[in-house]
Protein backbone atom coordinates (compact mmCIF):
# COMPACT_ATOMS: atom_id res chain seq x y z
CA MET A 1 128.61 245.59 83.19
CA GLN A 2 131.86 246.25 84.41
CA GLN A 3 134.77 247.25 82.20
CA LYS A 4 138.18 247.75 82.90
CA ILE A 5 140.06 250.57 81.44
CA GLN A 6 142.86 252.69 80.97
CA PHE A 7 143.50 256.52 80.15
CA TYR A 8 146.40 258.76 80.46
CA SER A 9 146.53 262.35 82.51
CA GLU A 10 149.55 264.05 81.60
CA GLY A 11 151.39 261.06 80.39
CA VAL A 12 150.71 259.23 83.45
CA ARG A 13 148.48 255.81 83.08
CA LEU A 14 145.38 255.52 85.00
CA ALA A 15 143.31 252.54 85.75
CA GLY A 16 139.85 252.53 86.30
CA HIS A 17 136.48 250.88 86.02
CA LEU A 18 133.50 251.60 83.34
CA TYR A 19 130.15 250.66 84.54
CA PHE A 20 127.18 250.62 81.89
CA PRO A 21 123.66 250.22 82.50
CA ASP A 22 121.31 247.34 82.29
CA HIS A 23 120.64 246.57 78.76
CA PHE A 24 123.22 249.02 77.12
CA SER A 25 123.28 249.43 73.44
CA PRO A 26 125.99 251.16 72.14
CA SER A 27 123.98 252.70 69.29
CA GLN A 28 122.06 254.71 72.15
CA HIS A 29 123.83 257.87 74.13
CA TYR A 30 123.79 257.94 78.02
CA PRO A 31 124.44 260.50 80.41
CA ALA A 32 127.85 259.88 82.29
CA ILE A 33 129.16 260.32 85.84
CA ILE A 34 132.70 260.46 86.89
CA VAL A 35 132.79 259.19 90.66
CA GLY A 36 135.19 260.34 93.34
CA GLY A 37 136.02 258.95 96.74
CA SER A 38 137.75 260.09 99.78
CA TRP A 39 141.68 260.97 100.17
CA THR A 40 143.82 258.10 99.82
CA THR A 41 141.26 255.88 98.65
CA VAL A 42 140.76 253.64 95.17
CA LYS A 43 138.30 252.66 93.25
CA GLU A 44 137.45 249.36 94.93
CA GLN A 45 136.28 251.28 97.64
CA MET A 46 133.30 254.31 97.84
CA SER A 47 133.77 255.46 94.22
CA GLY A 48 132.84 252.01 92.74
CA LEU A 49 130.24 251.22 95.04
CA TYR A 50 128.54 254.56 94.08
CA ALA A 51 129.33 254.10 90.35
CA GLU A 52 128.07 250.77 90.54
CA ARG A 53 124.91 251.55 91.99
CA LEU A 54 124.47 254.91 89.85
CA SER A 55 124.99 252.91 86.41
CA ARG A 56 121.70 250.78 87.62
CA HIS A 57 119.69 253.93 86.90
CA GLY A 58 120.63 254.31 83.40
CA PHE A 59 124.03 256.21 83.70
CA ILE A 60 127.53 255.28 82.41
CA THR A 61 129.80 255.65 85.44
CA LEU A 62 133.59 255.94 85.76
CA ALA A 63 135.34 254.99 88.89
CA PHE A 64 139.45 255.07 88.71
CA ASP A 65 142.70 255.31 90.62
CA PRO A 66 143.94 258.81 90.60
CA ARG A 67 147.73 258.81 90.05
CA TYR A 68 150.20 257.67 92.98
CA PHE A 69 147.26 255.03 93.76
CA GLY A 70 145.97 251.82 93.28
CA GLU A 71 146.42 250.34 89.84
CA SER A 72 147.76 253.75 88.26
CA GLU A 73 151.01 254.76 87.77
CA GLY A 74 152.68 257.98 89.16
CA GLU A 75 155.51 258.32 91.73
CA PRO A 76 155.93 258.64 94.71
CA ARG A 77 153.17 256.49 95.58
CA PHE A 78 150.29 257.18 98.02
CA TRP A 79 150.79 260.99 97.42
CA GLU A 80 147.65 263.01 97.98
CA LYS A 81 148.28 265.59 95.38
CA PRO A 82 145.64 268.14 94.95
CA GLU A 83 146.55 269.54 91.52
CA ALA A 84 147.13 266.07 90.15
CA LYS A 85 143.70 264.77 91.14
CA ILE A 86 142.22 267.83 89.54
CA ALA A 87 144.26 266.93 86.44
CA ASP A 88 143.15 263.50 86.63
CA TYR A 89 139.34 264.25 86.93
CA ASN A 90 139.54 266.51 84.11
CA ASN A 91 141.37 264.08 81.63
CA ALA A 92 138.74 261.34 82.53
CA VAL A 93 136.09 263.93 81.15
CA SER A 94 138.19 263.95 77.86
CA PHE A 95 138.29 260.25 77.99
CA LEU A 96 134.59 259.88 78.45
CA GLN A 97 134.13 261.83 75.80
CA THR A 98 135.58 258.90 73.66
CA VAL A 99 133.52 256.11 74.99
CA LYS A 100 130.90 254.62 72.68
CA GLY A 101 127.54 255.19 74.29
CA VAL A 102 128.46 258.41 76.19
CA ASP A 103 126.48 261.78 75.68
CA ARG A 104 129.24 264.30 75.50
CA GLU A 105 126.89 266.93 76.34
CA LYS A 106 126.09 265.02 79.78
CA ILE A 107 128.79 264.36 81.58
CA PHE A 108 128.33 265.06 85.32
CA LEU A 109 130.47 264.73 88.60
CA ALA A 110 129.89 263.06 91.69
CA ALA A 111 132.15 263.36 94.80
CA VAL A 112 132.36 262.04 97.74
CA CYS A 113 134.08 263.32 100.80
CA ALA A 114 137.43 264.91 99.95
CA SER A 115 136.88 264.54 96.08
CA ALA A 116 134.13 267.38 96.77
CA GLY A 117 137.09 269.84 96.56
CA TYR A 118 138.70 268.59 93.89
CA MET A 119 135.48 268.29 91.61
CA ALA A 120 134.03 271.63 92.64
CA ALA A 121 137.84 273.03 91.27
CA LEU A 122 137.37 270.96 88.24
CA ALA A 123 133.75 272.18 87.57
CA ALA A 124 134.59 275.71 88.24
CA LYS A 125 137.11 275.63 85.44
CA ASN A 126 135.65 273.27 82.99
CA GLU A 127 132.22 273.94 81.16
CA GLN A 128 132.30 270.18 79.66
CA VAL A 129 131.40 269.53 83.10
CA LYS A 130 127.38 270.02 83.25
CA GLY A 131 126.51 269.37 86.67
CA LEU A 132 128.26 268.30 90.13
CA ALA A 133 126.98 266.19 92.99
CA THR A 134 128.91 266.21 96.34
CA ILE A 135 128.09 263.64 99.11
CA ALA A 136 129.42 264.23 102.72
CA GLY A 137 131.83 266.69 100.78
CA TRP A 138 134.88 267.54 102.88
CA LEU A 139 135.71 271.43 102.03
CA HIS A 140 137.92 272.88 104.10
CA ASP A 141 139.75 276.30 104.58
CA ALA A 142 142.45 277.82 106.10
CA GLU A 143 140.26 277.91 109.34
CA SER A 144 138.90 274.74 109.19
CA VAL A 145 142.56 273.47 108.90
CA ARG A 146 143.98 274.98 111.58
CA LEU A 147 141.14 273.71 113.99
CA ILE A 148 141.44 269.93 112.57
CA TYR A 149 145.32 269.52 112.43
CA GLY A 150 146.53 271.30 115.73
CA GLY A 151 146.23 275.00 115.24
CA GLU A 152 148.95 277.21 113.56
CA GLU A 153 151.72 275.12 115.56
CA GLY A 154 150.31 271.84 114.29
CA VAL A 155 149.78 272.82 110.64
CA ARG A 156 153.29 274.30 110.73
CA GLU A 157 155.24 271.19 112.16
CA LYS A 158 153.06 268.87 108.94
CA LEU A 159 154.17 271.75 106.63
CA ASP A 160 157.58 271.40 107.50
CA ASN A 161 157.65 267.90 107.76
CA ALA A 162 156.33 267.77 104.15
CA ALA A 163 158.99 270.25 102.77
CA LEU A 164 161.69 268.04 104.42
CA ALA A 165 160.24 264.81 102.90
CA ARG A 166 160.35 266.61 99.48
CA GLU A 167 163.84 267.57 99.61
CA VAL A 168 165.04 264.00 100.65
CA PHE A 169 162.76 262.71 97.64
CA GLU A 170 164.10 264.90 95.12
CA GLU A 171 167.78 264.27 95.94
CA ARG A 172 167.66 260.87 96.89
CA GLY A 173 164.61 259.41 95.62
CA GLU A 174 163.51 257.99 99.02
CA VAL A 175 159.83 258.60 100.42
CA LYS A 176 158.93 259.03 103.78
CA TYR A 177 155.58 257.56 104.94
CA ILE A 178 153.30 257.73 107.97
CA PRO A 179 150.32 255.31 108.07
CA ALA A 180 147.22 256.43 106.29
CA ILE A 181 145.04 255.33 109.57
CA SER A 182 146.05 253.96 112.95
CA THR A 183 144.54 253.62 116.33
CA SER A 184 147.91 253.91 117.89
CA ASP A 185 150.08 256.42 116.02
CA ALA A 186 148.71 259.86 116.56
CA SER A 187 151.35 261.01 113.24
CA ALA A 188 148.90 258.87 111.15
CA ALA A 189 146.85 261.02 108.43
CA MET A 190 144.18 259.60 110.04
CA PHE A 191 144.43 258.93 113.76
CA GLY A 192 141.25 257.10 115.40
CA ASP A 193 139.52 254.21 115.31
CA TYR A 194 137.31 254.61 112.37
CA ASP A 195 135.50 251.25 111.42
CA TYR A 196 135.10 251.85 107.69
CA TYR A 197 139.03 252.56 107.05
CA LEU A 198 139.83 249.68 109.61
CA ASN A 199 137.07 247.21 108.61
CA PRO A 200 138.03 244.55 105.85
CA LEU A 201 134.03 244.31 105.26
CA ARG A 202 133.91 248.08 104.27
CA GLY A 203 136.94 250.07 103.14
CA GLY A 204 139.97 248.30 104.77
CA ILE A 205 140.52 246.00 101.63
CA PRO A 206 143.73 244.51 100.06
CA GLN A 207 143.43 247.03 97.61
CA TRP A 208 143.61 250.03 99.67
CA SER A 209 146.98 250.83 101.69
CA ALA A 210 146.25 251.34 105.27
CA ASP A 211 149.97 251.88 106.43
CA LYS A 212 151.31 254.33 103.55
CA PHE A 213 150.60 258.19 103.31
CA ALA A 214 153.28 260.05 101.74
CA VAL A 215 154.24 262.77 104.11
CA ILE A 216 154.74 265.02 100.91
CA SER A 217 151.16 265.36 100.69
CA TRP A 218 150.82 267.63 103.36
CA GLN A 219 151.96 270.66 101.90
CA GLY A 220 149.23 270.16 99.13
CA TRP A 221 146.77 269.40 101.27
CA LEU A 222 146.85 271.45 103.98
CA THR A 223 146.94 274.84 101.36
CA PHE A 224 144.11 273.85 99.28
CA ASP A 225 141.08 275.75 99.35
CA PRO A 226 138.05 274.22 97.94
CA MET A 227 135.67 276.78 99.73
CA SER A 228 137.32 279.60 97.25
CA TYR A 229 135.58 277.59 94.15
CA ALA A 230 132.14 277.72 95.25
CA VAL A 231 131.62 281.22 93.70
CA SER A 232 132.99 280.21 90.17
CA ILE A 233 130.76 277.36 89.66
CA ARG A 234 128.28 277.96 87.13
CA GLN A 235 126.66 274.11 86.75
CA PRO A 236 123.77 272.91 88.59
CA VAL A 237 124.83 271.51 92.24
CA LEU A 238 123.21 268.80 94.49
CA MET A 239 124.96 268.78 97.91
CA VAL A 240 124.07 265.83 100.26
CA HIS A 241 125.16 266.47 103.84
CA GLY A 242 123.91 266.04 107.47
CA ASP A 243 124.74 267.36 110.87
CA GLY A 244 126.51 264.11 111.24
CA ALA A 245 129.25 264.65 108.22
CA VAL A 246 132.31 266.45 108.30
CA LEU A 247 132.39 270.50 108.29
CA ALA A 248 128.71 270.76 108.11
CA GLU A 249 128.74 274.40 108.25
CA ASN A 250 131.09 274.77 105.65
CA ALA A 251 129.13 272.78 103.47
CA ARG A 252 126.11 275.42 104.38
CA ARG A 253 128.29 278.11 103.53
CA PHE A 254 129.80 276.75 100.07
CA PHE A 255 126.24 276.28 98.97
CA ASP A 256 125.23 279.61 99.76
CA ASN A 257 128.24 280.88 98.03
CA ILE A 258 127.18 279.37 94.66
CA PRO A 259 125.80 282.37 92.59
CA HIS A 260 122.92 280.74 91.13
CA SER A 261 119.37 279.12 91.95
CA GLN A 262 120.31 276.00 90.31
CA LYS A 263 121.29 274.31 93.31
CA VAL A 264 119.99 271.76 96.14
CA LEU A 265 120.96 271.12 99.35
CA TYR A 266 119.71 267.89 100.82
CA TRP A 267 120.06 267.66 104.66
CA THR A 268 119.87 264.49 106.20
CA ASN A 269 120.66 262.22 109.17
CA GLY A 270 123.92 259.90 109.23
CA SER A 271 127.55 259.83 110.31
CA GLN A 272 130.38 260.87 107.66
CA PHE A 273 131.12 257.45 106.92
CA ASP A 274 127.63 255.93 106.47
CA PHE A 275 127.75 258.08 103.16
CA TYR A 276 130.49 255.95 102.05
CA ASP A 277 128.45 252.51 102.15
CA ASN A 278 125.35 252.40 103.92
CA PRO A 279 122.66 252.02 101.55
CA LEU A 280 119.83 253.58 103.64
CA ARG A 281 121.60 257.06 102.94
């Protein structure tokens, strides 16, 4: 059973979907999972898919649009802002505690790709989170950022563009955008033939905007360091990754840096995008 919901995060209205187990009874208490997706994505993509599947296994699950995306409020649109997403996931925990049937002592996080960093940051700070699972987690640090985004020069150019975009937005209210994905425009946030985002039968759906990535996003994204949170995580952790997934060595290092033994690293096959929607993974 799926239910449309809304809740507020720092005064911003967020839209989401709750999924309930088969034969749900409001008089019983169920463990709950907040599911996060990749950067720029909406609840109808991988987070909703995982949320629906997990609900079949006895969980109440939540997938929602973080602020600036999808049906949620927030300006400018399509702003990938790490601190805002962390706050939104934190407020999603508070929201779930008000949902009838949720066991308030059993709220967990499941993070696909980029949300792994955001949810790791939240788990490190919020003891109400009782466990974290990452699936093909994008966990970068400053060195990884330089390798991925064109070295020191490439990173500096993006940061300069973001600073200029922020100045224009604050002074004139105008938002500078680049494509979220493109096979021809090298300035796109994701430049390449990535079928998941281009295929309307997968992630290239009408609810997602392939042509919009706010340039202002580069500042927060490129300076965010999710790797640093591993040492502060006290909850049980499950990490699902593989050699074909992004930043594989970072995933191993993140796992090694978690300072307790209640952790599992499940190494498997498949590309990064297989983990988004391939049911065999």
